[in-house]
N, C-alpha and C. Protein backbone atom coordinates (compact mmCIF):
# COMPACT_ATOMS: atom_id res chain seq x y z
N UNK A 1 114.36 99.78 102.19
CA UNK A 1 112.98 100.01 101.82
C UNK A 1 112.37 98.69 101.34
N UNK A 2 111.17 98.36 101.81
CA UNK A 2 110.53 97.11 101.38
C UNK A 2 110.12 97.17 99.91
N UNK A 3 110.08 96.01 99.28
CA UNK A 3 109.70 95.94 97.87
C UNK A 3 108.19 95.83 97.71
N UNK A 4 107.68 96.53 96.71
CA UNK A 4 106.27 96.42 96.36
C UNK A 4 106.08 95.20 95.46
N UNK A 5 104.96 94.53 95.61
CA UNK A 5 104.59 93.39 94.78
C UNK A 5 104.36 93.90 93.36
N UNK A 6 105.21 93.51 92.43
CA UNK A 6 105.14 94.02 91.05
C UNK A 6 103.88 93.56 90.33
N UNK A 7 103.32 92.43 90.73
CA UNK A 7 102.08 91.97 90.09
C UNK A 7 100.94 92.93 90.42
N UNK A 8 100.81 93.27 91.67
CA UNK A 8 99.72 94.15 92.11
C UNK A 8 100.03 95.62 91.83
N UNK A 9 101.28 95.98 91.81
CA UNK A 9 101.67 97.39 91.67
C UNK A 9 101.23 97.99 90.33
N UNK A 10 101.11 97.17 89.29
CA UNK A 10 100.67 97.68 87.99
C UNK A 10 99.28 98.30 88.19
N UNK A 11 99.06 99.55 87.75
CA UNK A 11 97.83 100.27 88.09
C UNK A 11 96.52 99.54 87.79
N UNK A 12 96.40 98.92 86.63
CA UNK A 12 95.14 98.25 86.32
C UNK A 12 94.93 97.04 87.22
N UNK A 13 95.99 96.28 87.49
CA UNK A 13 95.84 95.12 88.38
C UNK A 13 95.54 95.56 89.81
N UNK A 14 96.10 96.68 90.22
CA UNK A 14 95.78 97.22 91.55
C UNK A 14 94.30 97.60 91.63
N UNK A 15 93.79 98.21 90.58
CA UNK A 15 92.37 98.57 90.55
C UNK A 15 91.49 97.31 90.58
N UNK A 16 91.88 96.29 89.84
CA UNK A 16 91.11 95.04 89.82
C UNK A 16 91.12 94.39 91.20
N UNK A 17 92.29 94.26 91.80
CA UNK A 17 92.40 93.62 93.12
C UNK A 17 91.62 94.40 94.17
N UNK A 18 91.70 95.72 94.10
CA UNK A 18 90.96 96.55 95.06
C UNK A 18 89.46 96.38 94.88
N UNK A 19 89.01 96.37 93.64
CA UNK A 19 87.58 96.16 93.37
C UNK A 19 87.13 94.80 93.90
N UNK A 20 87.89 93.75 93.59
CA UNK A 20 87.51 92.40 94.01
C UNK A 20 87.60 92.21 95.52
N UNK A 21 88.42 93.02 96.19
CA UNK A 21 88.54 92.89 97.65
C UNK A 21 87.26 93.30 98.37
N UNK A 22 86.40 94.05 97.68
CA UNK A 22 85.16 94.52 98.30
C UNK A 22 83.95 93.66 98.02
N UNK A 23 84.12 92.57 97.27
CA UNK A 23 82.99 91.71 96.92
C UNK A 23 83.40 90.25 97.04
N UNK A 24 82.42 89.36 97.13
CA UNK A 24 82.72 87.93 97.13
C UNK A 24 83.20 87.50 95.75
N UNK A 25 82.50 87.99 94.72
CA UNK A 25 82.89 87.70 93.34
C UNK A 25 82.24 88.76 92.44
N UNK A 26 82.78 88.86 91.23
CA UNK A 26 82.23 89.81 90.26
C UNK A 26 82.35 89.19 88.87
N UNK A 27 81.34 89.43 88.05
CA UNK A 27 81.41 88.85 86.71
C UNK A 27 82.18 89.77 85.76
N UNK A 28 82.53 89.19 84.62
CA UNK A 28 83.35 89.86 83.63
C UNK A 28 82.80 91.24 83.27
N UNK A 29 81.51 91.30 82.95
CA UNK A 29 80.92 92.57 82.52
C UNK A 29 80.93 93.62 83.63
N UNK A 30 80.71 93.20 84.87
CA UNK A 30 80.76 94.16 85.98
C UNK A 30 82.15 94.78 86.08
N UNK A 31 83.18 93.95 86.10
CA UNK A 31 84.56 94.45 86.21
C UNK A 31 84.90 95.30 85.00
N UNK A 32 84.54 94.83 83.83
CA UNK A 32 84.81 95.54 82.58
C UNK A 32 84.23 96.96 82.64
N UNK A 33 82.97 97.06 83.03
CA UNK A 33 82.30 98.37 83.06
C UNK A 33 82.72 99.22 84.24
N UNK A 34 82.93 98.62 85.39
CA UNK A 34 83.31 99.38 86.58
C UNK A 34 84.67 100.04 86.41
N UNK A 35 85.58 99.35 85.72
CA UNK A 35 86.94 99.87 85.57
C UNK A 35 87.20 100.48 84.19
N UNK A 36 86.19 100.46 83.33
CA UNK A 36 86.27 101.03 81.99
C UNK A 36 87.52 100.51 81.25
N UNK A 37 87.54 99.19 81.05
CA UNK A 37 88.65 98.53 80.36
C UNK A 37 88.15 97.92 79.06
N UNK A 38 89.07 97.58 78.19
CA UNK A 38 88.70 96.80 77.01
C UNK A 38 88.67 95.33 77.42
N UNK A 39 87.98 94.52 76.65
CA UNK A 39 87.89 93.09 76.95
C UNK A 39 89.27 92.44 76.96
N UNK A 40 90.09 92.77 75.97
CA UNK A 40 91.44 92.20 75.90
C UNK A 40 92.31 92.63 77.05
N UNK A 41 92.21 93.90 77.44
CA UNK A 41 93.00 94.41 78.55
C UNK A 41 92.62 93.71 79.84
N UNK A 42 91.31 93.61 80.09
CA UNK A 42 90.84 92.93 81.29
C UNK A 42 91.30 91.47 81.30
N UNK A 43 91.15 90.79 80.19
CA UNK A 43 91.53 89.38 80.12
C UNK A 43 93.02 89.18 80.38
N UNK A 44 93.86 90.03 79.80
CA UNK A 44 95.30 89.84 80.00
C UNK A 44 95.71 90.11 81.44
N UNK A 45 95.11 91.11 82.08
CA UNK A 45 95.43 91.39 83.48
C UNK A 45 94.89 90.29 84.39
N UNK A 46 93.72 89.77 84.09
CA UNK A 46 93.16 88.67 84.88
C UNK A 46 94.03 87.42 84.74
N UNK A 47 94.54 87.17 83.55
CA UNK A 47 95.44 86.03 83.35
C UNK A 47 96.65 86.16 84.26
N UNK A 48 97.23 87.35 84.33
CA UNK A 48 98.43 87.58 85.15
C UNK A 48 98.10 87.40 86.64
N UNK A 49 96.95 87.91 87.07
CA UNK A 49 96.54 87.76 88.47
C UNK A 49 96.23 86.30 88.80
N UNK A 50 95.64 85.59 87.85
CA UNK A 50 95.35 84.17 88.06
C UNK A 50 96.64 83.36 88.14
N UNK A 51 97.60 83.65 87.27
CA UNK A 51 98.89 82.95 87.28
C UNK A 51 99.61 83.15 88.61
N UNK A 52 99.44 84.33 89.21
CA UNK A 52 100.08 84.62 90.50
C UNK A 52 99.32 83.97 91.66
N UNK A 53 98.14 83.42 91.38
CA UNK A 53 97.33 82.80 92.44
C UNK A 53 96.51 83.80 93.22
N UNK A 54 96.36 85.02 92.67
CA UNK A 54 95.64 86.08 93.37
C UNK A 54 94.16 86.12 93.04
N UNK A 55 93.78 85.59 91.89
CA UNK A 55 92.39 85.62 91.45
C UNK A 55 91.98 84.22 91.01
N UNK A 56 90.78 83.83 91.39
CA UNK A 56 90.19 82.58 90.91
C UNK A 56 89.20 82.94 89.81
N UNK A 57 89.30 82.23 88.70
CA UNK A 57 88.43 82.45 87.55
C UNK A 57 87.51 81.24 87.40
N UNK A 58 86.21 81.50 87.38
CA UNK A 58 85.22 80.44 87.20
C UNK A 58 84.45 80.71 85.91
N UNK A 59 84.50 79.75 84.98
CA UNK A 59 83.81 79.91 83.71
C UNK A 59 82.69 78.89 83.60
N UNK A 60 81.50 79.39 83.30
CA UNK A 60 80.34 78.54 83.10
C UNK A 60 79.60 79.02 81.85
N UNK A 61 78.51 78.36 81.54
CA UNK A 61 77.67 78.78 80.43
C UNK A 61 76.24 78.93 80.90
N UNK A 62 75.60 80.01 80.45
CA UNK A 62 74.15 80.20 80.61
C UNK A 62 73.57 79.90 79.25
N UNK A 63 73.18 78.64 79.05
CA UNK A 63 72.81 78.20 77.71
C UNK A 63 74.07 78.13 76.88
N UNK A 64 74.12 78.92 75.82
CA UNK A 64 75.32 78.97 74.98
C UNK A 64 76.17 80.21 75.26
N UNK A 65 75.75 81.00 76.22
CA UNK A 65 76.45 82.25 76.53
C UNK A 65 77.46 82.01 77.65
N UNK A 66 78.74 82.30 77.40
CA UNK A 66 79.75 82.12 78.45
C UNK A 66 79.56 83.14 79.57
N UNK A 67 79.83 82.69 80.78
CA UNK A 67 79.74 83.55 81.96
C UNK A 67 81.02 83.35 82.79
N UNK A 68 81.73 84.43 83.02
CA UNK A 68 82.99 84.36 83.76
C UNK A 68 82.86 85.15 85.05
N UNK A 69 83.23 84.51 86.16
CA UNK A 69 83.22 85.14 87.48
C UNK A 69 84.64 85.18 88.01
N UNK A 70 84.97 86.26 88.70
CA UNK A 70 86.29 86.43 89.30
C UNK A 70 86.12 86.62 90.81
N UNK A 71 87.04 86.06 91.55
CA UNK A 71 87.08 86.33 92.99
C UNK A 71 88.54 86.39 93.43
N UNK A 72 88.79 87.22 94.41
CA UNK A 72 90.12 87.34 94.98
C UNK A 72 90.35 86.15 95.90
N UNK A 73 91.45 85.46 95.74
CA UNK A 73 91.76 84.30 96.59
C UNK A 73 92.29 84.79 97.94
N UNK A 74 92.44 83.86 98.88
CA UNK A 74 93.06 84.21 100.16
C UNK A 74 94.45 84.76 99.93
N UNK A 75 95.19 84.12 99.04
CA UNK A 75 96.54 84.58 98.70
C UNK A 75 96.48 85.99 98.13
N UNK A 76 95.50 86.26 97.27
CA UNK A 76 95.33 87.59 96.69
C UNK A 76 94.99 88.63 97.73
N UNK A 77 94.12 88.27 98.67
CA UNK A 77 93.76 89.21 99.74
C UNK A 77 94.97 89.54 100.61
N UNK A 78 95.75 88.51 100.95
CA UNK A 78 96.95 88.73 101.75
C UNK A 78 97.97 89.58 100.98
N UNK A 79 98.12 89.31 99.69
CA UNK A 79 99.06 90.08 98.87
C UNK A 79 98.63 91.54 98.81
N UNK A 80 97.34 91.80 98.68
CA UNK A 80 96.86 93.18 98.62
C UNK A 80 97.06 93.87 99.97
N UNK A 81 96.79 93.16 101.06
CA UNK A 81 97.03 93.73 102.39
C UNK A 81 98.51 94.06 102.58
N UNK A 82 99.39 93.14 102.17
CA UNK A 82 100.84 93.39 102.26
C UNK A 82 101.24 94.58 101.40
N UNK A 83 100.65 94.68 100.21
CA UNK A 83 100.96 95.79 99.31
C UNK A 83 100.65 97.12 100.00
N UNK A 84 99.45 97.25 100.57
CA UNK A 84 99.07 98.50 101.24
C UNK A 84 99.95 98.75 102.45
N UNK A 85 100.31 97.71 103.17
CA UNK A 85 101.19 97.85 104.34
C UNK A 85 102.57 98.37 103.92
N UNK A 86 103.12 97.79 102.87
CA UNK A 86 104.42 98.23 102.38
C UNK A 86 104.34 99.68 101.90
N UNK A 87 103.28 100.02 101.21
CA UNK A 87 103.11 101.39 100.73
C UNK A 87 103.02 102.36 101.92
N UNK A 88 102.31 101.96 102.97
CA UNK A 88 102.24 102.80 104.18
C UNK A 88 103.61 102.99 104.80
N UNK A 89 104.41 101.92 104.85
CA UNK A 89 105.76 102.04 105.42
C UNK A 89 106.63 102.96 104.57
N UNK A 90 106.48 102.88 103.27
CA UNK A 90 107.23 103.77 102.39
C UNK A 90 106.81 105.22 102.64
N UNK A 91 105.53 105.44 102.74
CA UNK A 91 105.01 106.81 102.99
C UNK A 91 105.49 107.33 104.33
N UNK A 92 105.49 106.49 105.35
CA UNK A 92 105.95 106.91 106.67
C UNK A 92 107.42 107.30 106.62
N UNK A 93 108.22 106.54 105.90
CA UNK A 93 109.65 106.85 105.78
C UNK A 93 109.88 108.15 105.04
N UNK A 94 109.08 108.41 104.03
CA UNK A 94 109.24 109.65 103.27
C UNK A 94 108.72 110.84 104.06
N UNK A 95 107.78 110.62 104.97
CA UNK A 95 107.26 111.70 105.78
C UNK A 95 108.29 112.33 106.68
N UNK A 96 109.31 111.56 107.05
CA UNK A 96 110.38 112.09 107.90
C UNK A 96 111.23 113.11 107.17
N UNK A 97 111.18 113.07 105.85
CA UNK A 97 112.04 113.96 105.05
C UNK A 97 111.35 115.27 104.69
N UNK A 98 110.05 115.34 104.91
CA UNK A 98 109.29 116.51 104.46
C UNK A 98 109.28 117.55 105.48
């Protein structure tokens, strides 16, 4: 049986990657509100995705107000595609037993 990517497999990170796969980029507040997360929870999961090379984080300022944008990298898009492919193969294998 193929292995699932443990970085993406975590439910909140899977939700983040799936959300980002549908847009060019999304800001912190959009992701925070769309996924109903706490600021700390979102930040820690984004750190993990960024460390894996799956998400690019861009930080700027609008005056004195910080603005953070996230986008899924090419590596992140490929990892998410592989994740869904592996999950499909697992489901197909289990379908033979039902």
